[in-house]
Amino acid sequence: MHLLIRKVLSQDEFSKYDAVLHFPLRNLLPDFSKLSAEEEQYAGHYATHLDFVIYNKLGKNPVLAIEVDGYGYHREGSRQNERDAMKNKILETYGLPLLRFSTTGSGEREKLISKLNEIGKNNS
């Protein structure tokens, strides 16, 4: 996935973006005031991170979070699935779009390009 993201971001139309790997969620949020106590505890935990964060190089502001989910580990009803749902809600609360890719999925390149194009249009 890291290689795919790098290839997509190397295209001229996405050259204004860069990506970081394993970004701590607590470092992304400006404050925790919009979170419940459980969400705050989860978001502030040192191990809670985003697999990738794509940001605009100019303002260093994040524009997209990407998570890569292992099929078995993230299955419905698992504890990880519950944490994923909490992470989804936190990112939605703070207005950061999220793409989730399954390790058993396909079409990731097209989905990423489509989302970046959508973000570019919304931020123009």
PDB file of N, CA and C in Angstrom:
ATOM      1  N   MET A   1       0.831  -1.194   0.000  1.00  0.00           N
ATOM      2  CA  MET A   1       0.000   0.000   0.000  1.00  0.00           C
ATOM      3  C   MET A   1       0.870   1.250   0.000  1.00  0.00           C
ATOM      4  N   HIS A   2       1.971   1.215   0.747  1.00  0.00           N
ATOM      5  CA  HIS A   2       2.853   2.376   0.795  1.00  0.00           C
ATOM      6  C   HIS A   2       3.397   2.696  -0.593  1.00  0.00           C
ATOM      7  N   LEU A   3       3.811   1.682  -1.308  1.00  0.00           N
ATOM      8  CA  LEU A   3       4.320   1.870  -2.662  1.00  0.00           C
ATOM      9  C   LEU A   3       3.234   2.417  -3.580  1.00  0.00           C
ATOM     10  N   LEU A   4       2.033   1.894  -3.464  1.00  0.00           N
ATOM     11  CA  LEU A   4       0.915   2.383  -4.270  1.00  0.00           C
ATOM     12  C   LEU A   4       0.640   3.861  -3.989  1.00  0.00           C
ATOM     13  N   ILE A   5       0.602   4.231  -2.732  1.00  0.00           N
ATOM     14  CA  ILE A   5       0.360   5.637  -2.377  1.00  0.00           C
ATOM     15  C   ILE A   5       1.462   6.526  -2.961  1.00  0.00           C
ATOM     16  N   ARG A   6       2.708   6.103  -2.815  1.00  0.00           N
ATOM     17  CA  ARG A   6       3.836   6.878  -3.368  1.00  0.00           C
ATOM     18  C   ARG A   6       3.710   7.050  -4.878  1.00  0.00           C
ATOM     19  N   LYS A   7       3.334   5.982  -5.578  1.00  0.00           N
ATOM     20  CA  LYS A   7       3.173   6.063  -7.036  1.00  0.00           C
ATOM     21  C   LYS A   7       2.075   7.037  -7.417  1.00  0.00           C
ATOM     22  N   VAL A   8       0.945   6.968  -6.729  1.00  0.00           N
ATOM     23  CA  VAL A   8      -0.170   7.873  -7.029  1.00  0.00           C
ATOM     24  C   VAL A   8       0.226   9.314  -6.734  1.00  0.00           C
ATOM     25  N   LEU A   9       0.874   9.551  -5.603  1.00  0.00           N
ATOM     26  CA  LEU A   9       1.249  10.919  -5.233  1.00  0.00           C
ATOM     27  C   LEU A   9       2.366  11.473  -6.116  1.00  0.00           C
ATOM     28  N   SER A  10       3.042  10.624  -6.859  1.00  0.00           N
ATOM     29  CA  SER A  10       4.097  11.106  -7.763  1.00  0.00           C
ATOM     30  C   SER A  10       3.512  11.652  -9.073  1.00  0.00           C
ATOM     31  N   GLN A  11       2.225  11.433  -9.305  1.00  0.00           N
ATOM     32  CA  GLN A  11       1.576  11.979 -10.493  1.00  0.00           C
ATOM     33  C   GLN A  11       1.451  13.496 -10.332  1.00  0.00           C
ATOM     34  N   ASP A  12       1.613  14.204 -11.433  1.00  0.00           N
ATOM     35  CA  ASP A  12       1.603  15.670 -11.402  1.00  0.00           C
ATOM     36  C   ASP A  12       0.391  16.250 -10.671  1.00  0.00           C
ATOM     37  N   GLU A  13      -0.794  15.704 -10.931  1.00  0.00           N
ATOM     38  CA  GLU A  13      -2.005  16.288 -10.338  1.00  0.00           C
ATOM     39  C   GLU A  13      -2.087  16.098  -8.822  1.00  0.00           C
ATOM     40  N   PHE A  14      -1.255  15.226  -8.272  1.00  0.00           N
ATOM     41  CA  PHE A  14      -1.260  15.001  -6.829  1.00  0.00           C
ATOM     42  C   PHE A  14       0.062  15.386  -6.172  1.00  0.00           C
ATOM     43  N   SER A  15       0.890  16.120  -6.878  1.00  0.00           N
ATOM     44  CA  SER A  15       2.218  16.480  -6.364  1.00  0.00           C
ATOM     45  C   SER A  15       2.164  17.417  -5.160  1.00  0.00           C
ATOM     46  N   LYS A  16       1.010  18.019  -4.912  1.00  0.00           N
ATOM     47  CA  LYS A  16       0.889  18.908  -3.746  1.00  0.00           C
ATOM     48  C   LYS A  16       0.708  18.124  -2.448  1.00  0.00           C
ATOM     49  N   TYR A  17       0.553  16.796  -2.562  1.00  0.00           N
ATOM     50  CA  TYR A  17       0.340  15.948  -1.390  1.00  0.00           C
ATOM     51  C   TYR A  17       1.571  15.114  -1.074  1.00  0.00           C
ATOM     52  N   ASP A  18       1.675  14.738   0.193  1.00  0.00           N
ATOM     53  CA  ASP A  18       2.665  13.778   0.634  1.00  0.00           C
ATOM     54  C   ASP A  18       1.986  12.885   1.668  1.00  0.00           C
ATOM     55  N   ALA A  19       2.655  11.833   2.084  1.00  0.00           N
ATOM     56  CA  ALA A  19       2.052  10.893   3.027  1.00  0.00           C
ATOM     57  C   ALA A  19       3.037  10.527   4.117  1.00  0.00           C
ATOM     58  N   VAL A  20       2.491  10.244   5.288  1.00  0.00           N
ATOM     59  CA  VAL A  20       3.288   9.717   6.395  1.00  0.00           C
ATOM     60  C   VAL A  20       2.675   8.394   6.815  1.00  0.00           C
ATOM     61  N   LEU A  21       3.526   7.520   7.300  1.00  0.00           N
ATOM     62  CA  LEU A  21       3.159   6.175   7.695  1.00  0.00           C
ATOM     63  C   LEU A  21       3.056   6.088   9.207  1.00  0.00           C
ATOM     64  N   HIS A  22       2.060   5.368   9.714  1.00  0.00           N
ATOM     65  CA  HIS A  22       1.863   5.118  11.151  1.00  0.00           C
ATOM     66  C   HIS A  22       1.839   6.418  11.956  1.00  0.00           C
ATOM     67  N   PHE A  23       0.865   7.243  11.664  1.00  0.00           N
ATOM     68  CA  PHE A  23       0.754   8.543  12.316  1.00  0.00           C
ATOM     69  C   PHE A  23      -0.124   8.432  13.562  1.00  0.00           C
ATOM     70  N   PRO A  24       0.378   8.840  14.737  1.00  0.00           N
ATOM     71  CA  PRO A  24      -0.412   8.752  15.970  1.00  0.00           C
ATOM     72  C   PRO A  24      -1.688   9.603  15.876  1.00  0.00           C
ATOM     73  N   LEU A  25      -2.807   8.998  16.215  1.00  0.00           N
ATOM     74  CA  LEU A  25      -4.081   9.710  16.143  1.00  0.00           C
ATOM     75  C   LEU A  25      -4.084  10.924  17.061  1.00  0.00           C
ATOM     76  N   ARG A  26      -3.487  10.794  18.227  1.00  0.00           N
ATOM     77  CA  ARG A  26      -3.478  11.911  19.194  1.00  0.00           C
ATOM     78  C   ARG A  26      -2.763  13.141  18.636  1.00  0.00           C
ATOM     79  N   ASN A  27      -1.810  12.937  17.728  1.00  0.00           N
ATOM     80  CA  ASN A  27      -1.089  14.063  17.129  1.00  0.00           C
ATOM     81  C   ASN A  27      -1.860  14.715  15.986  1.00  0.00           C
ATOM     82  N   LEU A  28      -2.926  14.076  15.563  1.00  0.00           N
ATOM     83  CA  LEU A  28      -3.718  14.597  14.454  1.00  0.00           C
ATOM     84  C   LEU A  28      -4.834  15.517  14.925  1.00  0.00           C
ATOM     85  N   LEU A  29      -5.357  15.242  16.099  1.00  0.00           N
ATOM     86  CA  LEU A  29      -6.514  15.989  16.598  1.00  0.00           C
ATOM     87  C   LEU A  29      -6.076  17.279  17.283  1.00  0.00           C
ATOM     88  N   PRO A  30      -6.747  18.389  16.966  1.00  0.00           N
ATOM     89  CA  PRO A  30      -6.361  19.662  17.586  1.00  0.00           C
ATOM     90  C   PRO A  30      -6.647  19.687  19.094  1.00  0.00           C
ATOM     91  N   ASP A  31      -7.663  18.969  19.505  1.00  0.00           N
ATOM     92  CA  ASP A  31      -8.017  18.825  20.917  1.00  0.00           C
ATOM     93  C   ASP A  31      -8.975  17.649  21.011  1.00  0.00           C
ATOM     94  N   PHE A  32      -9.329  17.270  22.214  1.00  0.00           N
ATOM     95  CA  PHE A  32     -10.223  16.124  22.400  1.00  0.00           C
ATOM     96  C   PHE A  32     -11.611  16.564  22.864  1.00  0.00           C
ATOM     97  N   SER A  33     -11.923  17.834  22.734  1.00  0.00           N
ATOM     98  CA  SER A  33     -13.157  18.374  23.294  1.00  0.00           C
ATOM     99  C   SER A  33     -14.430  17.806  22.667  1.00  0.00           C
ATOM    100  N   LYS A  34     -14.341  17.272  21.473  1.00  0.00           N
ATOM    101  CA  LYS A  34     -15.520  16.733  20.794  1.00  0.00           C
ATOM    102  C   LYS A  34     -15.724  15.240  21.063  1.00  0.00           C
ATOM    103  N   LEU A  35     -14.862  14.650  21.887  1.00  0.00           N
ATOM    104  CA  LEU A  35     -14.882  13.208  22.097  1.00  0.00           C
ATOM    105  C   LEU A  35     -15.525  12.813  23.411  1.00  0.00           C
ATOM    106  N   SER A  36     -16.112  11.624  23.422  1.00  0.00           N
ATOM    107  CA  SER A  36     -16.599  11.047  24.674  1.00  0.00           C
ATOM    108  C   SER A  36     -15.378  10.608  25.484  1.00  0.00           C
ATOM    109  N   ALA A  37     -15.593  10.240  26.722  1.00  0.00           N
ATOM    110  CA  ALA A  37     -14.481   9.795  27.573  1.00  0.00           C
ATOM    111  C   ALA A  37     -13.812   8.557  26.977  1.00  0.00           C
ATOM    112  N   GLU A  38     -14.600   7.617  26.469  1.00  0.00           N
ATOM    113  CA  GLU A  38     -14.039   6.404  25.869  1.00  0.00           C
ATOM    114  C   GLU A  38     -13.241   6.743  24.602  1.00  0.00           C
ATOM    115  N   GLU A  39     -13.782   7.615  23.770  1.00  0.00           N
ATOM    116  CA  GLU A  39     -13.079   8.022  22.551  1.00  0.00           C
ATOM    117  C   GLU A  39     -11.788   8.762  22.879  1.00  0.00           C
ATOM    118  N   GLU A  40     -11.833   9.600  23.900  1.00  0.00           N
ATOM    119  CA  GLU A  40     -10.646  10.346  24.306  1.00  0.00           C
ATOM    120  C   GLU A  40      -9.551   9.398  24.794  1.00  0.00           C
ATOM    121  N   GLN A  41      -9.938   8.405  25.571  1.00  0.00           N
ATOM    122  CA  GLN A  41      -8.958   7.430  26.056  1.00  0.00           C
ATOM    123  C   GLN A  41      -8.341   6.673  24.874  1.00  0.00           C
ATOM    124  N   TYR A  42      -9.160   6.267  23.924  1.00  0.00           N
ATOM    125  CA  TYR A  42      -8.677   5.536  22.753  1.00  0.00           C
ATOM    126  C   TYR A  42      -7.788   6.423  21.878  1.00  0.00           C
ATOM    127  N   ALA A  43      -8.245   7.631  21.576  1.00  0.00           N
ATOM    128  CA  ALA A  43      -7.490   8.534  20.698  1.00  0.00           C
ATOM    129  C   ALA A  43      -6.166   8.955  21.327  1.00  0.00           C
ATOM    130  N   GLY A  44      -6.123   9.059  22.644  1.00  0.00           N
ATOM    131  CA  GLY A  44      -4.919   9.499  23.321  1.00  0.00           C
ATOM    132  C   GLY A  44      -3.912   8.400  23.599  1.00  0.00           C
ATOM    133  N   HIS A  45      -4.295   7.156  23.357  1.00  0.00           N
ATOM    134  CA  HIS A  45      -3.405   6.032  23.642  1.00  0.00           C
ATOM    135  C   HIS A  45      -2.205   6.055  22.699  1.00  0.00           C
ATOM    136  N   TYR A  46      -1.039   5.759  23.212  1.00  0.00           N
ATOM    137  CA  TYR A  46       0.193   5.847  22.422  1.00  0.00           C
ATOM    138  C   TYR A  46       0.203   4.899  21.227  1.00  0.00           C
ATOM    139  N   ALA A  47      -0.538   3.797  21.301  1.00  0.00           N
ATOM    140  CA  ALA A  47      -0.518   2.815  20.209  1.00  0.00           C
ATOM    141  C   ALA A  47      -1.579   3.068  19.138  1.00  0.00           C
ATOM    142  N   THR A  48      -2.489   3.997  19.379  1.00  0.00           N
ATOM    143  CA  THR A  48      -3.543   4.274  18.401  1.00  0.00           C
ATOM    144  C   THR A  48      -2.976   5.150  17.290  1.00  0.00           C
ATOM    145  N   HIS A  49      -2.982   4.606  16.091  1.00  0.00           N
ATOM    146  CA  HIS A  49      -2.401   5.338  14.965  1.00  0.00           C
ATOM    147  C   HIS A  49      -3.229   5.114  13.705  1.00  0.00           C
ATOM    148  N   LEU A  50      -2.929   5.899  12.706  1.00  0.00           N
ATOM    149  CA  LEU A  50      -3.491   5.721  11.368  1.00  0.00           C
ATOM    150  C   LEU A  50      -2.400   5.107  10.512  1.00  0.00           C
ATOM    151  N   ASP A  51      -2.762   4.162   9.670  1.00  0.00           N
ATOM    152  CA  ASP A  51      -1.756   3.520   8.833  1.00  0.00           C
ATOM    153  C   ASP A  51      -1.055   4.538   7.938  1.00  0.00           C
ATOM    154  N   PHE A  52      -1.831   5.421   7.316  1.00  0.00           N
ATOM    155  CA  PHE A  52      -1.273   6.480   6.468  1.00  0.00           C
ATOM    156  C   PHE A  52      -2.094   7.750   6.632  1.00  0.00           C
ATOM    157  N   VAL A  53      -1.434   8.884   6.578  1.00  0.00           N
ATOM    158  CA  VAL A  53      -2.108  10.176   6.509  1.00  0.00           C
ATOM    159  C   VAL A  53      -1.528  10.908   5.305  1.00  0.00           C
ATOM    160  N   ILE A  54      -2.415  11.318   4.416  1.00  0.00           N
ATOM    161  CA  ILE A  54      -2.008  12.136   3.277  1.00  0.00           C
ATOM    162  C   ILE A  54      -2.292  13.578   3.648  1.00  0.00           C
ATOM    163  N   TYR A  55      -1.321  14.433   3.411  1.00  0.00           N
ATOM    164  CA  TYR A  55      -1.465  15.830   3.787  1.00  0.00           C
ATOM    165  C   TYR A  55      -1.029  16.734   2.638  1.00  0.00           C
ATOM    166  N   ASN A  56      -1.530  17.959   2.691  1.00  0.00           N
ATOM    167  CA  ASN A  56      -1.152  18.979   1.731  1.00  0.00           C
ATOM    168  C   ASN A  56       0.203  19.529   2.162  1.00  0.00           C
ATOM    169  N   LYS A  57       1.179  19.469   1.271  1.00  0.00           N
ATOM    170  CA  LYS A  57       2.545  19.907   1.615  1.00  0.00           C
ATOM    171  C   LYS A  57       2.610  21.376   2.006  1.00  0.00           C
ATOM    172  N   LEU A  58       1.811  22.210   1.356  1.00  0.00           N
ATOM    173  CA  LEU A  58       1.886  23.648   1.586  1.00  0.00           C
ATOM    174  C   LEU A  58       1.506  24.025   3.020  1.00  0.00           C
ATOM    175  N   GLY A  59       0.350  23.597   3.466  1.00  0.00           N
ATOM    176  CA  GLY A  59      -0.096  23.963   4.808  1.00  0.00           C
ATOM    177  C   GLY A  59       0.121  22.887   5.843  1.00  0.00           C
ATOM    178  N   LYS A  60       0.644  21.736   5.408  1.00  0.00           N
ATOM    179  CA  LYS A  60       0.863  20.584   6.281  1.00  0.00           C
ATOM    180  C   LYS A  60      -0.432  20.080   6.910  1.00  0.00           C
ATOM    181  N   ASN A  61      -1.572  20.420   6.297  1.00  0.00           N
ATOM    182  CA  ASN A  61      -2.843  19.982   6.845  1.00  0.00           C
ATOM    183  C   ASN A  61      -3.256  18.632   6.264  1.00  0.00           C
ATOM    184  N   PRO A  62      -3.734  17.735   7.123  1.00  0.00           N
ATOM    185  CA  PRO A  62      -4.145  16.408   6.663  1.00  0.00           C
ATOM    186  C   PRO A  62      -5.390  16.511   5.779  1.00  0.00           C
ATOM    187  N   VAL A  63      -5.435  15.705   4.718  1.00  0.00           N
ATOM    188  CA  VAL A  63      -6.590  15.705   3.825  1.00  0.00           C
ATOM    189  C   VAL A  63      -7.255  14.339   3.726  1.00  0.00           C
ATOM    190  N   LEU A  64      -6.528  13.269   4.111  1.00  0.00           N
ATOM    191  CA  LEU A  64      -7.085  11.928   3.973  1.00  0.00           C
ATOM    192  C   LEU A  64      -6.340  10.954   4.885  1.00  0.00           C
ATOM    193  N   ALA A  65      -7.113  10.126   5.576  1.00  0.00           N
ATOM    194  CA  ALA A  65      -6.542   9.032   6.362  1.00  0.00           C
ATOM    195  C   ALA A  65      -6.800   7.733   5.604  1.00  0.00           C
ATOM    196  N   ILE A  66      -5.841   6.815   5.686  1.00  0.00           N
ATOM    197  CA  ILE A  66      -5.981   5.515   5.035  1.00  0.00           C
ATOM    198  C   ILE A  66      -5.669   4.428   6.050  1.00  0.00           C
ATOM    199  N   GLU A  67      -6.550   3.451   6.115  1.00  0.00           N
ATOM    200  CA  GLU A  67      -6.366   2.284   6.961  1.00  0.00           C
ATOM    201  C   GLU A  67      -6.350   1.039   6.085  1.00  0.00           C
ATOM    202  N   VAL A  68      -5.468   0.118   6.388  1.00  0.00           N
ATOM    203  CA  VAL A  68      -5.395  -1.161   5.693  1.00  0.00           C
ATOM    204  C   VAL A  68      -5.793  -2.232   6.695  1.00  0.00           C
ATOM    205  N   ASP A  69      -6.882  -2.916   6.401  1.00  0.00           N
ATOM    206  CA  ASP A  69      -7.466  -3.864   7.338  1.00  0.00           C
ATOM    207  C   ASP A  69      -7.218  -5.302   6.911  1.00  0.00           C
ATOM    208  N   GLY A  70      -6.587  -6.057   7.793  1.00  0.00           N
ATOM    209  CA  GLY A  70      -6.426  -7.489   7.566  1.00  0.00           C
ATOM    210  C   GLY A  70      -7.767  -8.181   7.714  1.00  0.00           C
ATOM    211  N   TYR A  71      -8.067  -9.094   6.833  1.00  0.00           N
ATOM    212  CA  TYR A  71      -9.388  -9.722   6.784  1.00  0.00           C
ATOM    213  C   TYR A  71      -9.791 -10.355   8.119  1.00  0.00           C
ATOM    214  N   GLY A  72      -8.994 -11.235   8.643  1.00  0.00           N
ATOM    215  CA  GLY A  72      -9.351 -11.945   9.866  1.00  0.00           C
ATOM    216  C   GLY A  72      -9.321 -11.068  11.102  1.00  0.00           C
ATOM    217  N   TYR A  73      -8.342 -10.212  11.182  1.00  0.00           N
ATOM    218  CA  TYR A  73      -8.125  -9.377  12.367  1.00  0.00           C
ATOM    219  C   TYR A  73      -9.234  -8.335  12.536  1.00  0.00           C
ATOM    220  N   HIS A  74      -9.808  -7.874  11.432  1.00  0.00           N
ATOM    221  CA  HIS A  74     -10.797  -6.796  11.476  1.00  0.00           C
ATOM    222  C   HIS A  74     -12.220  -7.303  11.230  1.00  0.00           C
ATOM    223  N   ARG A  75     -12.438  -8.598  11.354  1.00  0.00           N
ATOM    224  CA  ARG A  75     -13.741  -9.170  11.026  1.00  0.00           C
ATOM    225  C   ARG A  75     -14.834  -8.628  11.947  1.00  0.00           C
ATOM    226  N   GLU A  76     -16.045  -8.677  11.445  1.00  0.00           N
ATOM    227  CA  GLU A  76     -17.237  -8.235  12.177  1.00  0.00           C
ATOM    228  C   GLU A  76     -17.285  -8.893  13.547  1.00  0.00           C
ATOM    229  N   GLY A  77     -17.545  -8.093  14.576  1.00  0.00           N
ATOM    230  CA  GLY A  77     -17.670  -8.614  15.932  1.00  0.00           C
ATOM    231  C   GLY A  77     -16.365  -8.705  16.717  1.00  0.00           C
ATOM    232  N   SER A  78     -15.241  -8.480  16.061  1.00  0.00           N
ATOM    233  CA  SER A  78     -13.959  -8.539  16.762  1.00  0.00           C
ATOM    234  C   SER A  78     -13.729  -7.247  17.546  1.00  0.00           C
ATOM    235  N   ARG A  79     -12.835  -7.310  18.514  1.00  0.00           N
ATOM    236  CA  ARG A  79     -12.481  -6.102  19.287  1.00  0.00           C
ATOM    237  C   ARG A  79     -11.869  -5.061  18.355  1.00  0.00           C
ATOM    238  N   GLN A  80     -11.070  -5.515  17.389  1.00  0.00           N
ATOM    239  CA  GLN A  80     -10.468  -4.577  16.442  1.00  0.00           C
ATOM    240  C   GLN A  80     -11.549  -3.889  15.613  1.00  0.00           C
ATOM    241  N   ASN A  81     -12.586  -4.614  15.256  1.00  0.00           N
ATOM    242  CA  ASN A  81     -13.686  -4.020  14.497  1.00  0.00           C
ATOM    243  C   ASN A  81     -14.358  -2.911  15.309  1.00  0.00           C
ATOM    244  N   GLU A  82     -14.488  -3.111  16.606  1.00  0.00           N
ATOM    245  CA  GLU A  82     -15.057  -2.079  17.489  1.00  0.00           C
ATOM    246  C   GLU A  82     -14.156  -0.839  17.516  1.00  0.00           C
ATOM    247  N   ARG A  83     -12.843  -1.069  17.598  1.00  0.00           N
ATOM    248  CA  ARG A  83     -11.906   0.065  17.592  1.00  0.00           C
ATOM    249  C   ARG A  83     -11.939   0.780  16.239  1.00  0.00           C
ATOM    250  N   ASP A  84     -12.070   0.008  15.160  1.00  0.00           N
ATOM    251  CA  ASP A  84     -12.178   0.616  13.826  1.00  0.00           C
ATOM    252  C   ASP A  84     -13.386   1.538  13.757  1.00  0.00           C
ATOM    253  N   ALA A  85     -14.511   1.076  14.294  1.00  0.00           N
ATOM    254  CA  ALA A  85     -15.733   1.885  14.281  1.00  0.00           C
ATOM    255  C   ALA A  85     -15.537   3.170  15.080  1.00  0.00           C
ATOM    256  N   MET A  86     -14.844   3.068  16.216  1.00  0.00           N
ATOM    257  CA  MET A  86     -14.577   4.251  17.030  1.00  0.00           C
ATOM    258  C   MET A  86     -13.665   5.223  16.264  1.00  0.00           C
ATOM    259  N   LYS A  87     -12.652   4.694  15.617  1.00  0.00           N
ATOM    260  CA  LYS A  87     -11.740   5.531  14.835  1.00  0.00           C
ATOM    261  C   LYS A  87     -12.499   6.220  13.696  1.00  0.00           C
ATOM    262  N   ASN A  88     -13.377   5.471  13.032  1.00  0.00           N
ATOM    263  CA  ASN A  88     -14.201   6.051  11.962  1.00  0.00           C
ATOM    264  C   ASN A  88     -14.994   7.243  12.486  1.00  0.00           C
ATOM    265  N   LYS A  89     -15.624   7.062  13.642  1.00  0.00           N
ATOM    266  CA  LYS A  89     -16.463   8.123  14.230  1.00  0.00           C
ATOM    267  C   LYS A  89     -15.620   9.335  14.619  1.00  0.00           C
ATOM    268  N   ILE A  90     -14.463   9.099  15.193  1.00  0.00           N
ATOM    269  CA  ILE A  90     -13.584  10.203  15.597  1.00  0.00           C
ATOM    270  C   ILE A  90     -13.161  11.010  14.368  1.00  0.00           C
ATOM    271  N   LEU A  91     -12.740  10.328  13.315  1.00  0.00           N
ATOM    272  CA  LEU A  91     -12.310  11.037  12.100  1.00  0.00           C
ATOM    273  C   LEU A  91     -13.470  11.795  11.469  1.00  0.00           C
ATOM    274  N   GLU A  92     -14.651  11.196  11.483  1.00  0.00           N
ATOM    275  CA  GLU A  92     -15.832  11.883  10.957  1.00  0.00           C
ATOM    276  C   GLU A  92     -16.132  13.134  11.780  1.00  0.00           C
ATOM    277  N   THR A  93     -16.041  13.007  13.101  1.00  0.00           N
ATOM    278  CA  THR A  93     -16.294  14.146  13.999  1.00  0.00           C
ATOM    279  C   THR A  93     -15.372  15.317  13.682  1.00  0.00           C
ATOM    280  N   TYR A  94     -14.113  15.015  13.347  1.00  0.00           N
ATOM    281  CA  TYR A  94     -13.141  16.066  13.071  1.00  0.00           C
ATOM    282  C   TYR A  94     -13.017  16.384  11.575  1.00  0.00           C
ATOM    283  N   GLY A  95     -13.873  15.765  10.764  1.00  0.00           N
ATOM    284  CA  GLY A  95     -13.962  16.119   9.355  1.00  0.00           C
ATOM    285  C   GLY A  95     -12.818  15.633   8.478  1.00  0.00           C
ATOM    286  N   LEU A  96     -12.145  14.553   8.874  1.00  0.00           N
ATOM    287  CA  LEU A  96     -11.070  14.014   8.051  1.00  0.00           C
ATOM    288  C   LEU A  96     -11.572  12.781   7.310  1.00  0.00           C
ATOM    289  N   PRO A  97     -11.595  12.830   5.981  1.00  0.00           N
ATOM    290  CA  PRO A  97     -12.043  11.668   5.208  1.00  0.00           C
ATOM    291  C   PRO A  97     -11.151  10.458   5.471  1.00  0.00           C
ATOM    292  N   LEU A  98     -11.754   9.287   5.359  1.00  0.00           N
ATOM    293  CA  LEU A  98     -11.051   8.033   5.621  1.00  0.00           C
ATOM    294  C   LEU A  98     -11.353   7.042   4.510  1.00  0.00           C
ATOM    295  N   LEU A  99     -10.309   6.395   4.032  1.00  0.00           N
ATOM    296  CA  LEU A  99     -10.452   5.262   3.120  1.00  0.00           C
ATOM    297  C   LEU A  99      -9.967   4.026   3.855  1.00  0.00           C
ATOM    298  N   ARG A 100     -10.760   2.959   3.806  1.00  0.00           N
ATOM    299  CA  ARG A 100     -10.345   1.678   4.371  1.00  0.00           C
ATOM    300  C   ARG A 100     -10.167   0.694   3.228  1.00  0.00           C
ATOM    301  N   PHE A 101      -9.005   0.059   3.212  1.00  0.00           N
ATOM    302  CA  PHE A 101      -8.712  -0.956   2.209  1.00  0.00           C
ATOM    303  C   PHE A 101      -8.518  -2.287   2.918  1.00  0.00           C
ATOM    304  N   SER A 102      -9.101  -3.327   2.355  1.00  0.00           N
ATOM    305  CA  SER A 102      -8.925  -4.668   2.882  1.00  0.00           C
ATOM    306  C   SER A 102      -7.707  -5.305   2.228  1.00  0.00           C
ATOM    307  N   THR A 103      -7.021  -6.136   2.978  1.00  0.00           N
ATOM    308  CA  THR A 103      -5.880  -6.844   2.399  1.00  0.00           C
ATOM    309  C   THR A 103      -6.336  -7.854   1.356  1.00  0.00           C
ATOM    310  N   THR A 104      -7.633  -8.155   1.320  1.00  0.00           N
ATOM    311  CA  THR A 104      -8.171  -9.068   0.316  1.00  0.00           C
ATOM    312  C   THR A 104      -8.934  -8.326  -0.776  1.00  0.00           C
ATOM    313  N   GLY A 105      -8.847  -7.004  -0.797  1.00  0.00           N
ATOM    314  CA  GLY A 105      -9.604  -6.196  -1.751  1.00  0.00           C
ATOM    315  C   GLY A 105      -8.876  -6.005  -3.069  1.00  0.00           C
ATOM    316  N   SER A 106      -9.507  -5.195  -3.916  1.00  0.00           N
ATOM    317  CA  SER A 106      -8.905  -4.849  -5.197  1.00  0.00           C
ATOM    318  C   SER A 106      -9.369  -3.457  -5.592  1.00  0.00           C
ATOM    319  N   GLY A 107      -8.744  -2.904  -6.622  1.00  0.00           N
ATOM    320  CA  GLY A 107      -9.124  -1.585  -7.117  1.00  0.00           C
ATOM    321  C   GLY A 107      -8.653  -0.442  -6.248  1.00  0.00           C
ATOM    322  N   GLU A 108      -7.640  -0.679  -5.427  1.00  0.00           N
ATOM    323  CA  GLU A 108      -7.176   0.352  -4.495  1.00  0.00           C
ATOM    324  C   GLU A 108      -6.682   1.601  -5.204  1.00  0.00           C
ATOM    325  N   ARG A 109      -5.920   1.425  -6.274  1.00  0.00           N
ATOM    326  CA  ARG A 109      -5.375   2.575  -7.005  1.00  0.00           C
ATOM    327  C   ARG A 109      -6.500   3.490  -7.492  1.00  0.00           C
ATOM    328  N   GLU A 110      -7.500   2.903  -8.101  1.00  0.00           N
ATOM    329  CA  GLU A 110      -8.617   3.682  -8.637  1.00  0.00           C
ATOM    330  C   GLU A 110      -9.399   4.376  -7.525  1.00  0.00           C
ATOM    331  N   LYS A 111      -9.606   3.672  -6.419  1.00  0.00           N
ATOM    332  CA  LYS A 111     -10.326   4.261  -5.289  1.00  0.00           C
ATOM    333  C   LYS A 111      -9.553   5.431  -4.696  1.00  0.00           C
ATOM    334  N   LEU A 112      -8.242   5.289  -4.571  1.00  0.00           N
ATOM    335  CA  LEU A 112      -7.413   6.356  -4.020  1.00  0.00           C
ATOM    336  C   LEU A 112      -7.419   7.570  -4.947  1.00  0.00           C
ATOM    337  N   ILE A 113      -7.240   7.352  -6.234  1.00  0.00           N
ATOM    338  CA  ILE A 113      -7.242   8.452  -7.195  1.00  0.00           C
ATOM    339  C   ILE A 113      -8.590   9.171  -7.183  1.00  0.00           C
ATOM    340  N   SER A 114      -9.664   8.418  -7.152  1.00  0.00           N
ATOM    341  CA  SER A 114     -10.999   9.001  -7.121  1.00  0.00           C
ATOM    342  C   SER A 114     -11.187   9.876  -5.881  1.00  0.00           C
ATOM    343  N   LYS A 115     -10.747   9.377  -4.721  1.00  0.00           N
ATOM    344  CA  LYS A 115     -10.901  10.129  -3.465  1.00  0.00           C
ATOM    345  C   LYS A 115     -10.054  11.395  -3.480  1.00  0.00           C
ATOM    346  N   LEU A 116      -8.820  11.301  -3.981  1.00  0.00           N
ATOM    347  CA  LEU A 116      -7.960  12.492  -4.053  1.00  0.00           C
ATOM    348  C   LEU A 116      -8.538  13.520  -5.010  1.00  0.00           C
ATOM    349  N   ASN A 117      -9.114  13.078  -6.107  1.00  0.00           N
ATOM    350  CA  ASN A 117      -9.763  14.008  -7.040  1.00  0.00           C
ATOM    351  C   ASN A 117     -10.952  14.699  -6.369  1.00  0.00           C
ATOM    352  N   GLU A 118     -11.718  13.935  -5.620  1.00  0.00           N
ATOM    353  CA  GLU A 118     -12.871  14.495  -4.878  1.00  0.00           C
ATOM    354  C   GLU A 118     -12.397  15.524  -3.869  1.00  0.00           C
ATOM    355  N   ILE A 119     -11.345  15.210  -3.137  1.00  0.00           N
ATOM    356  CA  ILE A 119     -10.806  16.131  -2.139  1.00  0.00           C
ATOM    357  C   ILE A 119     -10.292  17.399  -2.824  1.00  0.00           C
ATOM    358  N   GLY A 120      -9.601  17.239  -3.947  1.00  0.00           N
ATOM    359  CA  GLY A 120      -9.103  18.387  -4.688  1.00  0.00           C
ATOM    360  C   GLY A 120     -10.187  19.314  -5.141  1.00  0.00           C
ATOM    361  N   LYS A 121     -11.308  18.759  -5.594  1.00  0.00           N
ATOM    362  CA  LYS A 121     -12.452  19.574  -6.033  1.00  0.00           C
ATOM    363  C   LYS A 121     -13.093  20.299  -4.859  1.00  0.00           C
ATOM    364  N   ASN A 122     -13.207  19.616  -3.724  1.00  0.00           N
ATOM    365  CA  ASN A 122     -13.835  20.216  -2.546  1.00  0.00           C
ATOM    366  C   ASN A 122     -12.958  21.300  -1.915  1.00  0.00           C
ATOM    367  N   ASN A 123     -11.663  21.231  -2.130  1.00  0.00           N
ATOM    368  CA  ASN A 123     -10.747  22.217  -1.539  1.00  0.00           C
ATOM    369  C   ASN A 123     -10.332  23.296  -2.513  1.00  0.00           C
ATOM    370  N   SER A 124     -10.989  23.350  -3.654  1.00  0.00           N
ATOM    371  CA  SER A 124     -10.631  24.384  -4.659  1.00  0.00           C
ATOM    372  C   SER A 124     -11.381  25.661  -4.416  1.00  0.00           C
TER     373      SER A 124
END
